[in-house]
N, C-alpha and C. Protein backbone atom coordinates (compact mmCIF):
# COMPACT_ATOMS: atom_id res chain seq x y z
N MET A 1 0.84 -1.19 0.00
CA MET A 1 0.00 0.00 0.00
C MET A 1 0.88 1.24 0.00
N ARG A 2 0.37 2.26 -0.67
CA ARG A 2 1.11 3.51 -0.64
C ARG A 2 0.40 4.47 0.31
N LYS A 3 1.14 5.38 0.87
CA LYS A 3 0.60 6.34 1.82
C LYS A 3 -0.24 7.37 1.08
N LEU A 4 -1.38 7.73 1.69
CA LEU A 4 -2.27 8.77 1.16
C LEU A 4 -2.16 9.98 2.06
N LYS A 5 -2.08 11.16 1.48
CA LYS A 5 -2.06 12.38 2.30
C LYS A 5 -3.31 12.40 3.16
N LEU A 6 -3.15 12.62 4.43
CA LEU A 6 -4.28 12.64 5.36
C LEU A 6 -5.33 13.67 4.94
N SER A 7 -4.89 14.75 4.33
CA SER A 7 -5.83 15.79 3.88
C SER A 7 -6.76 15.29 2.77
N LYS A 8 -6.46 14.12 2.19
CA LYS A 8 -7.30 13.55 1.14
C LYS A 8 -8.13 12.36 1.63
N ALA A 9 -8.04 12.03 2.91
CA ALA A 9 -8.74 10.86 3.44
C ALA A 9 -10.25 10.94 3.25
N PHE A 10 -10.81 12.16 3.32
CA PHE A 10 -12.25 12.31 3.15
C PHE A 10 -12.73 11.82 1.79
N THR A 11 -11.87 11.84 0.79
CA THR A 11 -12.29 11.41 -0.55
C THR A 11 -12.57 9.91 -0.60
N LEU A 12 -12.12 9.17 0.40
CA LEU A 12 -12.40 7.74 0.46
C LEU A 12 -13.79 7.44 1.00
N MET A 13 -14.40 8.42 1.69
CA MET A 13 -15.67 8.18 2.37
C MET A 13 -16.79 9.13 1.97
N GLU A 14 -16.52 10.11 1.12
CA GLU A 14 -17.50 11.15 0.87
C GLU A 14 -18.62 10.72 -0.06
N SER A 15 -18.67 9.54 -0.50
CA SER A 15 -19.49 9.21 -1.66
C SER A 15 -21.00 9.10 -1.43
N GLY A 16 -21.58 9.91 -0.54
CA GLY A 16 -23.03 10.00 -0.47
C GLY A 16 -23.56 10.64 -1.75
N PRO A 17 -24.84 10.55 -2.02
CA PRO A 17 -25.35 11.11 -3.28
C PRO A 17 -25.29 12.64 -3.29
N VAL A 18 -24.99 13.18 -4.44
CA VAL A 18 -25.10 14.62 -4.64
C VAL A 18 -26.59 14.94 -4.64
N VAL A 19 -26.98 15.93 -3.85
CA VAL A 19 -28.38 16.33 -3.79
C VAL A 19 -28.52 17.81 -4.05
N LEU A 20 -29.70 18.20 -4.45
CA LEU A 20 -30.05 19.61 -4.59
C LEU A 20 -31.01 19.92 -3.46
N VAL A 21 -30.71 20.95 -2.68
CA VAL A 21 -31.55 21.31 -1.54
C VAL A 21 -32.22 22.64 -1.86
N THR A 22 -33.56 22.62 -1.85
CA THR A 22 -34.29 23.86 -2.12
C THR A 22 -34.71 24.50 -0.80
N THR A 23 -34.69 25.83 -0.79
CA THR A 23 -35.13 26.61 0.36
C THR A 23 -36.01 27.75 -0.15
N HIS A 24 -36.69 28.39 0.79
CA HIS A 24 -37.47 29.59 0.47
C HIS A 24 -37.22 30.59 1.59
N ASP A 25 -36.78 31.79 1.24
CA ASP A 25 -36.40 32.77 2.25
C ASP A 25 -37.52 33.73 2.64
N GLY A 26 -38.75 33.45 2.18
CA GLY A 26 -39.87 34.35 2.45
C GLY A 26 -40.25 35.15 1.22
N GLN A 27 -39.31 35.28 0.27
CA GLN A 27 -39.55 36.01 -0.96
C GLN A 27 -39.28 35.18 -2.21
N LYS A 28 -38.21 34.40 -2.16
CA LYS A 28 -37.88 33.63 -3.36
C LYS A 28 -37.32 32.25 -3.00
N ASP A 29 -37.42 31.36 -3.99
CA ASP A 29 -36.88 30.01 -3.87
C ASP A 29 -35.40 30.04 -4.23
N ASN A 30 -34.66 29.10 -3.69
CA ASN A 30 -33.26 28.95 -4.06
C ASN A 30 -32.91 27.46 -4.04
N ILE A 31 -31.78 27.13 -4.66
CA ILE A 31 -31.28 25.76 -4.71
C ILE A 31 -29.79 25.79 -4.38
N MET A 32 -29.36 24.85 -3.55
CA MET A 32 -27.93 24.68 -3.32
C MET A 32 -27.58 23.21 -3.58
N THR A 33 -26.38 22.97 -4.05
CA THR A 33 -25.89 21.62 -4.26
C THR A 33 -25.14 21.20 -3.00
N VAL A 34 -25.46 20.00 -2.51
CA VAL A 34 -24.81 19.47 -1.31
C VAL A 34 -24.32 18.06 -1.62
N SER A 35 -23.05 17.80 -1.31
CA SER A 35 -22.54 16.44 -1.52
C SER A 35 -22.25 15.74 -0.19
N TRP A 36 -22.33 16.45 0.91
CA TRP A 36 -22.12 15.83 2.21
C TRP A 36 -23.46 15.53 2.84
N THR A 37 -23.91 14.30 2.69
CA THR A 37 -25.21 13.86 3.18
C THR A 37 -25.04 12.60 4.00
N MET A 38 -26.01 12.34 4.87
CA MET A 38 -25.93 11.15 5.70
C MET A 38 -27.34 10.74 6.12
N VAL A 39 -27.60 9.44 6.08
CA VAL A 39 -28.83 8.89 6.64
C VAL A 39 -28.53 8.60 8.11
N LEU A 40 -29.38 9.12 9.01
CA LEU A 40 -29.14 8.93 10.44
C LEU A 40 -30.05 7.88 11.05
N ASP A 41 -31.18 7.62 10.41
CA ASP A 41 -32.15 6.73 11.02
C ASP A 41 -33.13 6.27 9.95
N PHE A 42 -33.83 5.18 10.22
CA PHE A 42 -34.85 4.68 9.29
C PHE A 42 -36.14 5.51 9.36
N THR A 43 -36.27 6.44 10.27
CA THR A 43 -37.55 7.08 10.60
C THR A 43 -38.13 8.09 9.61
N PRO A 44 -37.70 8.76 8.74
CA PRO A 44 -36.36 8.99 8.21
C PRO A 44 -35.76 10.30 8.75
N VAL A 45 -34.53 10.21 9.19
CA VAL A 45 -33.78 11.38 9.63
C VAL A 45 -32.48 11.41 8.83
N PHE A 46 -32.17 12.60 8.31
CA PHE A 46 -31.00 12.79 7.45
C PHE A 46 -30.16 13.93 8.00
N ALA A 47 -28.95 14.04 7.51
CA ALA A 47 -28.11 15.19 7.84
C ALA A 47 -27.42 15.68 6.58
N ILE A 48 -27.25 16.99 6.49
CA ILE A 48 -26.45 17.60 5.44
C ILE A 48 -25.46 18.53 6.12
N THR A 49 -24.39 18.82 5.43
CA THR A 49 -23.42 19.77 5.96
C THR A 49 -23.44 21.01 5.09
N THR A 50 -23.67 22.14 5.73
CA THR A 50 -23.65 23.44 5.07
C THR A 50 -23.48 24.48 6.16
N GLY A 51 -23.31 25.73 5.80
CA GLY A 51 -23.12 26.75 6.82
C GLY A 51 -23.24 28.15 6.27
N GLU A 52 -22.75 29.10 7.04
CA GLU A 52 -22.89 30.53 6.75
C GLU A 52 -22.39 30.91 5.36
N TRP A 53 -21.44 30.17 4.82
CA TRP A 53 -20.88 30.49 3.51
C TRP A 53 -21.89 30.28 2.38
N ASN A 54 -22.95 29.58 2.67
CA ASN A 54 -23.94 29.22 1.66
C ASN A 54 -25.17 30.12 1.79
N HIS A 55 -25.55 30.80 0.72
CA HIS A 55 -26.68 31.73 0.73
C HIS A 55 -27.97 31.08 1.25
N SER A 56 -28.21 29.83 0.95
CA SER A 56 -29.42 29.14 1.38
C SER A 56 -29.46 28.86 2.88
N PHE A 57 -28.31 28.89 3.54
CA PHE A 57 -28.26 28.52 4.95
C PHE A 57 -29.12 29.44 5.81
N VAL A 58 -29.15 30.72 5.49
CA VAL A 58 -29.95 31.67 6.27
C VAL A 58 -31.42 31.27 6.24
N ALA A 59 -31.94 30.97 5.05
CA ALA A 59 -33.34 30.54 4.92
C ALA A 59 -33.58 29.21 5.62
N LEU A 60 -32.63 28.31 5.53
CA LEU A 60 -32.74 27.00 6.16
C LEU A 60 -32.82 27.15 7.68
N ARG A 61 -31.96 27.98 8.22
CA ARG A 61 -31.94 28.22 9.67
C ARG A 61 -33.19 28.97 10.14
N LYS A 62 -33.61 29.96 9.38
CA LYS A 62 -34.76 30.80 9.77
C LYS A 62 -36.09 30.06 9.64
N ASN A 63 -36.32 29.42 8.50
CA ASN A 63 -37.63 28.80 8.22
C ASN A 63 -37.70 27.33 8.60
N LYS A 64 -36.54 26.72 8.84
CA LYS A 64 -36.46 25.34 9.33
C LYS A 64 -37.17 24.32 8.43
N GLU A 65 -37.02 24.51 7.11
CA GLU A 65 -37.59 23.53 6.18
C GLU A 65 -36.86 23.61 4.85
N CYS A 66 -36.92 22.50 4.12
CA CYS A 66 -36.27 22.42 2.81
C CYS A 66 -36.80 21.20 2.08
N VAL A 67 -36.34 21.06 0.85
CA VAL A 67 -36.59 19.84 0.08
C VAL A 67 -35.24 19.31 -0.37
N ILE A 68 -35.02 18.02 -0.15
CA ILE A 68 -33.85 17.34 -0.71
C ILE A 68 -34.31 16.73 -2.02
N ALA A 69 -33.77 17.21 -3.12
CA ALA A 69 -34.11 16.69 -4.45
C ALA A 69 -32.90 15.89 -4.93
N ILE A 70 -33.15 14.67 -5.41
CA ILE A 70 -32.06 13.80 -5.80
C ILE A 70 -31.96 13.74 -7.33
N PRO A 71 -30.94 14.40 -7.88
CA PRO A 71 -30.76 14.37 -9.33
C PRO A 71 -30.09 13.07 -9.76
N THR A 72 -30.15 12.81 -11.04
CA THR A 72 -29.51 11.63 -11.61
C THR A 72 -28.32 12.05 -12.46
N VAL A 73 -27.58 11.08 -12.96
CA VAL A 73 -26.33 11.35 -13.67
C VAL A 73 -26.53 12.30 -14.86
N ASP A 74 -27.67 12.26 -15.50
CA ASP A 74 -27.91 13.15 -16.63
C ASP A 74 -28.04 14.61 -16.19
N MET A 75 -28.13 14.86 -14.89
CA MET A 75 -28.24 16.21 -14.35
C MET A 75 -26.95 16.68 -13.68
N LEU A 76 -25.85 15.94 -13.86
CA LEU A 76 -24.61 16.27 -13.18
C LEU A 76 -24.13 17.68 -13.48
N ASP A 77 -24.11 18.09 -14.74
CA ASP A 77 -23.63 19.43 -15.07
C ASP A 77 -24.52 20.49 -14.45
N THR A 78 -25.82 20.22 -14.37
CA THR A 78 -26.75 21.14 -13.72
C THR A 78 -26.42 21.25 -12.23
N ALA A 79 -26.21 20.11 -11.57
CA ALA A 79 -25.89 20.11 -10.15
C ALA A 79 -24.59 20.86 -9.87
N VAL A 80 -23.57 20.64 -10.69
CA VAL A 80 -22.30 21.34 -10.53
C VAL A 80 -22.50 22.83 -10.78
N GLY A 81 -23.24 23.17 -11.82
CA GLY A 81 -23.51 24.58 -12.11
C GLY A 81 -24.23 25.28 -10.98
N ILE A 82 -25.22 24.62 -10.40
CA ILE A 82 -25.95 25.20 -9.27
C ILE A 82 -25.00 25.44 -8.10
N GLY A 83 -24.08 24.52 -7.90
CA GLY A 83 -23.14 24.65 -6.79
C GLY A 83 -22.04 25.66 -7.00
N THR A 84 -21.90 26.16 -8.22
CA THR A 84 -20.82 27.11 -8.49
C THR A 84 -21.31 28.52 -8.76
N CYS A 85 -22.59 28.79 -8.44
CA CYS A 85 -23.09 30.16 -8.51
C CYS A 85 -23.90 30.44 -7.25
N SER A 86 -24.19 31.68 -7.00
CA SER A 86 -24.86 32.05 -5.75
C SER A 86 -26.30 32.49 -5.98
N GLY A 87 -27.17 32.10 -5.07
CA GLY A 87 -28.56 32.52 -5.10
C GLY A 87 -28.75 33.98 -4.74
N THR A 88 -27.70 34.65 -4.28
CA THR A 88 -27.83 36.07 -3.97
C THR A 88 -28.09 36.88 -5.23
N ASP A 89 -27.55 36.43 -6.35
CA ASP A 89 -27.72 37.19 -7.59
C ASP A 89 -28.20 36.33 -8.77
N THR A 90 -28.61 35.09 -8.50
CA THR A 90 -29.02 34.19 -9.57
C THR A 90 -30.31 33.47 -9.23
N ASP A 91 -31.27 33.51 -10.13
CA ASP A 91 -32.46 32.67 -10.01
C ASP A 91 -32.07 31.32 -10.61
N LYS A 92 -31.73 30.37 -9.77
CA LYS A 92 -31.20 29.10 -10.26
C LYS A 92 -32.25 28.26 -10.96
N PHE A 93 -33.52 28.38 -10.58
CA PHE A 93 -34.57 27.66 -11.30
C PHE A 93 -34.61 28.13 -12.75
N ALA A 94 -34.56 29.44 -12.96
CA ALA A 94 -34.59 29.98 -14.32
C ALA A 94 -33.31 29.67 -15.08
N LYS A 95 -32.16 29.94 -14.44
CA LYS A 95 -30.88 29.74 -15.13
C LYS A 95 -30.69 28.30 -15.60
N PHE A 96 -31.11 27.33 -14.78
CA PHE A 96 -30.88 25.93 -15.12
C PHE A 96 -32.13 25.23 -15.65
N LYS A 97 -33.14 26.03 -15.97
CA LYS A 97 -34.39 25.54 -16.59
C LYS A 97 -35.00 24.37 -15.79
N LEU A 98 -35.14 24.60 -14.47
CA LEU A 98 -35.73 23.60 -13.59
C LEU A 98 -37.15 24.04 -13.22
N THR A 99 -38.01 23.06 -13.00
CA THR A 99 -39.42 23.34 -12.72
C THR A 99 -39.71 23.16 -11.24
N PRO A 100 -40.07 24.28 -10.55
CA PRO A 100 -40.46 24.15 -9.15
C PRO A 100 -41.87 23.58 -9.04
N VAL A 101 -42.05 22.63 -8.13
CA VAL A 101 -43.37 22.01 -7.91
C VAL A 101 -43.69 22.14 -6.42
N GLN A 102 -44.84 22.71 -6.13
CA GLN A 102 -45.22 22.89 -4.73
C GLN A 102 -45.44 21.54 -4.06
N GLY A 103 -44.83 21.37 -2.91
CA GLY A 103 -45.00 20.15 -2.12
C GLY A 103 -46.29 20.21 -1.31
N LYS A 104 -46.46 19.22 -0.46
CA LYS A 104 -47.68 19.14 0.36
C LYS A 104 -47.46 19.68 1.78
N VAL A 105 -46.19 19.71 2.27
CA VAL A 105 -45.95 20.03 3.68
C VAL A 105 -45.11 21.28 3.87
N VAL A 106 -44.04 21.45 3.08
CA VAL A 106 -43.14 22.58 3.27
C VAL A 106 -43.26 23.57 2.12
N ARG A 107 -42.81 24.80 2.37
CA ARG A 107 -42.91 25.85 1.35
C ARG A 107 -41.88 25.74 0.22
N PRO A 108 -40.63 25.36 0.50
CA PRO A 108 -39.68 25.23 -0.61
C PRO A 108 -40.19 24.20 -1.62
N PRO A 109 -39.91 24.44 -2.89
CA PRO A 109 -40.46 23.54 -3.92
C PRO A 109 -39.65 22.27 -4.14
N LEU A 110 -40.34 21.27 -4.65
CA LEU A 110 -39.70 20.08 -5.20
C LEU A 110 -39.12 20.49 -6.55
N ILE A 111 -38.23 19.68 -7.09
CA ILE A 111 -37.70 19.92 -8.44
C ILE A 111 -38.21 18.80 -9.33
N LYS A 112 -39.06 19.16 -10.29
CA LYS A 112 -39.72 18.18 -11.15
C LYS A 112 -38.73 17.28 -11.89
N GLU A 113 -37.63 17.83 -12.34
CA GLU A 113 -36.67 17.08 -13.15
C GLU A 113 -35.88 16.04 -12.35
N CYS A 114 -35.95 16.10 -11.05
CA CYS A 114 -35.19 15.15 -10.22
C CYS A 114 -35.93 13.83 -10.08
N PHE A 115 -35.17 12.77 -9.86
CA PHE A 115 -35.71 11.43 -9.72
C PHE A 115 -36.55 11.29 -8.45
N ALA A 116 -36.11 11.95 -7.38
CA ALA A 116 -36.82 11.86 -6.10
C ALA A 116 -36.74 13.18 -5.37
N ASN A 117 -37.72 13.43 -4.50
CA ASN A 117 -37.76 14.63 -3.67
C ASN A 117 -38.25 14.24 -2.29
N ILE A 118 -37.63 14.83 -1.27
CA ILE A 118 -38.03 14.58 0.12
C ILE A 118 -38.27 15.92 0.80
N GLU A 119 -39.50 16.17 1.22
CA GLU A 119 -39.80 17.38 1.99
C GLU A 119 -39.28 17.16 3.40
N CYS A 120 -38.59 18.16 3.96
CA CYS A 120 -37.94 18.00 5.26
C CYS A 120 -38.16 19.20 6.18
N LYS A 121 -38.14 18.91 7.46
CA LYS A 121 -38.14 19.92 8.52
C LYS A 121 -36.79 19.84 9.23
N VAL A 122 -36.23 21.00 9.56
CA VAL A 122 -34.98 21.05 10.32
C VAL A 122 -35.31 20.72 11.77
N ILE A 123 -34.64 19.71 12.33
CA ILE A 123 -34.89 19.36 13.73
C ILE A 123 -33.70 19.66 14.63
N ASP A 124 -32.54 19.97 14.02
CA ASP A 124 -31.38 20.33 14.82
C ASP A 124 -30.32 20.92 13.90
N ILE A 125 -29.53 21.81 14.44
CA ILE A 125 -28.34 22.31 13.74
C ILE A 125 -27.18 22.19 14.71
N ILE A 126 -26.20 21.40 14.35
CA ILE A 126 -25.03 21.20 15.19
C ILE A 126 -23.96 22.16 14.68
N LYS A 127 -23.94 23.33 15.31
CA LYS A 127 -23.15 24.45 14.82
C LYS A 127 -21.65 24.14 14.70
N LYS A 128 -21.10 23.41 15.68
CA LYS A 128 -19.66 23.14 15.69
C LYS A 128 -19.19 22.49 14.38
N HIS A 129 -20.04 21.65 13.79
CA HIS A 129 -19.65 20.94 12.57
C HIS A 129 -20.51 21.31 11.36
N ASN A 130 -21.36 22.33 11.49
CA ASN A 130 -22.23 22.77 10.39
C ASN A 130 -23.10 21.64 9.86
N ILE A 131 -23.62 20.83 10.79
CA ILE A 131 -24.48 19.72 10.41
C ILE A 131 -25.94 20.11 10.64
N VAL A 132 -26.73 20.00 9.62
CA VAL A 132 -28.16 20.29 9.71
C VAL A 132 -28.88 18.94 9.70
N VAL A 133 -29.61 18.68 10.77
CA VAL A 133 -30.34 17.42 10.90
C VAL A 133 -31.77 17.65 10.44
N LEU A 134 -32.23 16.80 9.54
CA LEU A 134 -33.53 16.96 8.89
C LEU A 134 -34.41 15.74 9.13
N GLU A 135 -35.69 15.98 9.29
CA GLU A 135 -36.66 14.89 9.37
C GLU A 135 -37.50 14.93 8.10
N GLY A 136 -37.53 13.83 7.38
CA GLY A 136 -38.36 13.74 6.19
C GLY A 136 -39.83 13.71 6.60
N VAL A 137 -40.66 14.54 5.94
CA VAL A 137 -42.09 14.59 6.26
C VAL A 137 -42.96 14.17 5.08
N ALA A 138 -42.39 14.07 3.90
CA ALA A 138 -43.09 13.58 2.70
C ALA A 138 -42.03 13.24 1.67
N ALA A 139 -42.30 12.23 0.84
CA ALA A 139 -41.31 11.81 -0.16
C ALA A 139 -42.02 11.43 -1.45
N TYR A 140 -41.33 11.68 -2.56
CA TYR A 140 -41.88 11.42 -3.88
C TYR A 140 -40.79 10.82 -4.77
N ILE A 141 -41.20 9.97 -5.68
CA ILE A 141 -40.26 9.36 -6.62
C ILE A 141 -40.91 9.33 -8.00
N ASP A 142 -40.13 9.58 -9.02
CA ASP A 142 -40.62 9.53 -10.40
C ASP A 142 -40.21 8.18 -10.99
N SER A 143 -41.02 7.17 -10.74
CA SER A 143 -40.68 5.81 -11.18
C SER A 143 -40.73 5.66 -12.70
N ALA A 144 -41.36 6.60 -13.39
CA ALA A 144 -41.41 6.54 -14.86
C ALA A 144 -40.12 7.09 -15.48
N ARG A 145 -39.33 7.77 -14.71
CA ARG A 145 -38.08 8.35 -15.22
C ARG A 145 -37.13 7.24 -15.64
N LYS A 146 -36.59 7.34 -16.85
CA LYS A 146 -35.69 6.30 -17.36
C LYS A 146 -34.37 6.26 -16.59
N GLU A 147 -33.74 7.42 -16.45
CA GLU A 147 -32.45 7.48 -15.75
C GLU A 147 -32.69 7.50 -14.25
N LYS A 148 -32.09 6.56 -13.54
CA LYS A 148 -32.29 6.47 -12.10
C LYS A 148 -30.98 6.44 -11.32
N ARG A 149 -29.86 6.51 -12.02
CA ARG A 149 -28.55 6.42 -11.36
C ARG A 149 -28.17 7.74 -10.69
N ALA A 150 -27.87 7.66 -9.40
CA ALA A 150 -27.42 8.83 -8.65
C ALA A 150 -25.94 9.06 -8.90
N VAL A 151 -25.48 10.23 -8.51
CA VAL A 151 -24.08 10.62 -8.66
C VAL A 151 -23.52 10.87 -7.27
N HIS A 152 -22.27 10.49 -7.07
CA HIS A 152 -21.62 10.66 -5.78
C HIS A 152 -20.34 11.45 -5.98
N ALA A 153 -20.17 12.53 -5.21
CA ALA A 153 -18.95 13.34 -5.29
C ALA A 153 -17.83 12.65 -4.55
N VAL A 154 -16.66 12.67 -5.11
CA VAL A 154 -15.48 12.15 -4.44
C VAL A 154 -14.86 13.26 -3.58
N GLY A 155 -15.08 14.51 -3.98
CA GLY A 155 -14.57 15.64 -3.22
C GLY A 155 -13.40 16.34 -3.87
N ASP A 156 -12.96 15.81 -4.99
CA ASP A 156 -11.82 16.40 -5.69
C ASP A 156 -12.19 16.83 -7.11
N GLY A 157 -13.50 17.02 -7.35
CA GLY A 157 -13.95 17.41 -8.68
C GLY A 157 -14.31 16.22 -9.56
N THR A 158 -14.17 15.01 -9.04
CA THR A 158 -14.58 13.82 -9.79
C THR A 158 -15.80 13.21 -9.11
N PHE A 159 -16.50 12.36 -9.86
CA PHE A 159 -17.76 11.80 -9.39
C PHE A 159 -17.83 10.31 -9.71
N ILE A 160 -18.62 9.60 -8.93
CA ILE A 160 -18.88 8.19 -9.14
C ILE A 160 -20.36 8.06 -9.48
N VAL A 161 -20.68 7.22 -10.45
CA VAL A 161 -22.07 7.01 -10.86
C VAL A 161 -22.50 5.63 -10.37
N ASP A 162 -23.73 5.57 -9.81
CA ASP A 162 -24.26 4.27 -9.40
C ASP A 162 -24.16 3.28 -10.54
N GLY A 163 -23.93 2.05 -10.20
CA GLY A 163 -23.82 1.00 -11.21
C GLY A 163 -24.77 -0.14 -10.91
N HIS A 164 -24.23 -1.33 -10.98
CA HIS A 164 -25.01 -2.55 -10.73
C HIS A 164 -25.62 -2.55 -9.34
N LYS A 165 -26.83 -3.00 -9.23
CA LYS A 165 -27.48 -3.18 -7.94
C LYS A 165 -27.37 -4.66 -7.58
N ILE A 166 -26.89 -4.93 -6.38
CA ILE A 166 -26.69 -6.31 -5.93
C ILE A 166 -27.68 -6.59 -4.81
N ASP A 167 -28.48 -7.62 -4.95
CA ASP A 167 -29.55 -7.93 -4.00
C ASP A 167 -29.08 -8.91 -2.92
N ARG A 168 -29.10 -8.44 -1.68
CA ARG A 168 -28.82 -9.29 -0.51
C ARG A 168 -29.94 -9.14 0.52
N ARG A 169 -31.16 -8.83 0.03
CA ARG A 169 -32.30 -8.61 0.92
C ARG A 169 -32.60 -9.84 1.77
N LYS A 170 -32.54 -11.02 1.18
CA LYS A 170 -32.85 -12.24 1.93
C LYS A 170 -31.83 -12.44 3.06
N MET A 171 -30.58 -12.26 2.74
CA MET A 171 -29.52 -12.43 3.72
C MET A 171 -29.62 -11.42 4.86
N MET A 172 -30.08 -10.21 4.55
CA MET A 172 -30.15 -9.14 5.53
C MET A 172 -31.55 -8.94 6.13
N SER A 173 -32.47 -9.83 5.85
CA SER A 173 -33.87 -9.63 6.23
C SER A 173 -34.08 -9.32 7.72
N SER A 174 -33.26 -9.84 8.59
CA SER A 174 -33.42 -9.57 10.03
C SER A 174 -33.03 -8.15 10.40
N LYS A 175 -32.33 -7.44 9.51
CA LYS A 175 -31.85 -6.08 9.79
C LYS A 175 -32.64 -5.02 9.04
N ILE A 176 -33.46 -5.41 8.09
CA ILE A 176 -34.22 -4.46 7.28
C ILE A 176 -35.53 -4.14 8.00
N PRO A 177 -35.85 -2.85 8.18
CA PRO A 177 -37.10 -2.50 8.85
C PRO A 177 -38.31 -3.05 8.09
N PHE A 178 -39.34 -3.41 8.82
CA PHE A 178 -40.58 -3.94 8.24
C PHE A 178 -41.14 -2.96 7.20
N GLY A 179 -41.52 -3.46 6.07
CA GLY A 179 -42.14 -2.65 5.03
C GLY A 179 -41.18 -2.01 4.05
N VAL A 180 -39.87 -2.15 4.27
CA VAL A 180 -38.89 -1.52 3.37
C VAL A 180 -38.60 -2.46 2.22
């Protein structure tokens, strides 16, 4: 084995899905790209990492709600583009030709072009690590969508695309929550 710079160790573990998080600040909708995501519980509770540097964070902290929209590989350039411009001076829905769809529970919109959307409420913000803990309150999936492969950021400007799905449901049945 060769030694890896410790400063690059996160690239070995960062591969959660790239998501688009929508917020509403009271006047307008915004979208931010987040690649640091984590499932915390089956209930469903999730976490994302973001902070003051991100224009959407103020709305997220103030209104305590958002939508996690999960794009697919065909939307990678859109996700990267969204993450490299600011909502302070850009209407990202217009710039990237995305369709906002009103959800049932929260004010921020779902993104029609995404494979899945999860309406969420903020239940905690762990300031020391900029971790926003979210509880899913409604979820939607576009099962008719042809492309279903998610994209995972490595953290160095490269990405991994979902591939083969391997079924071990029978083997893991004692650990899978009922109904999943």
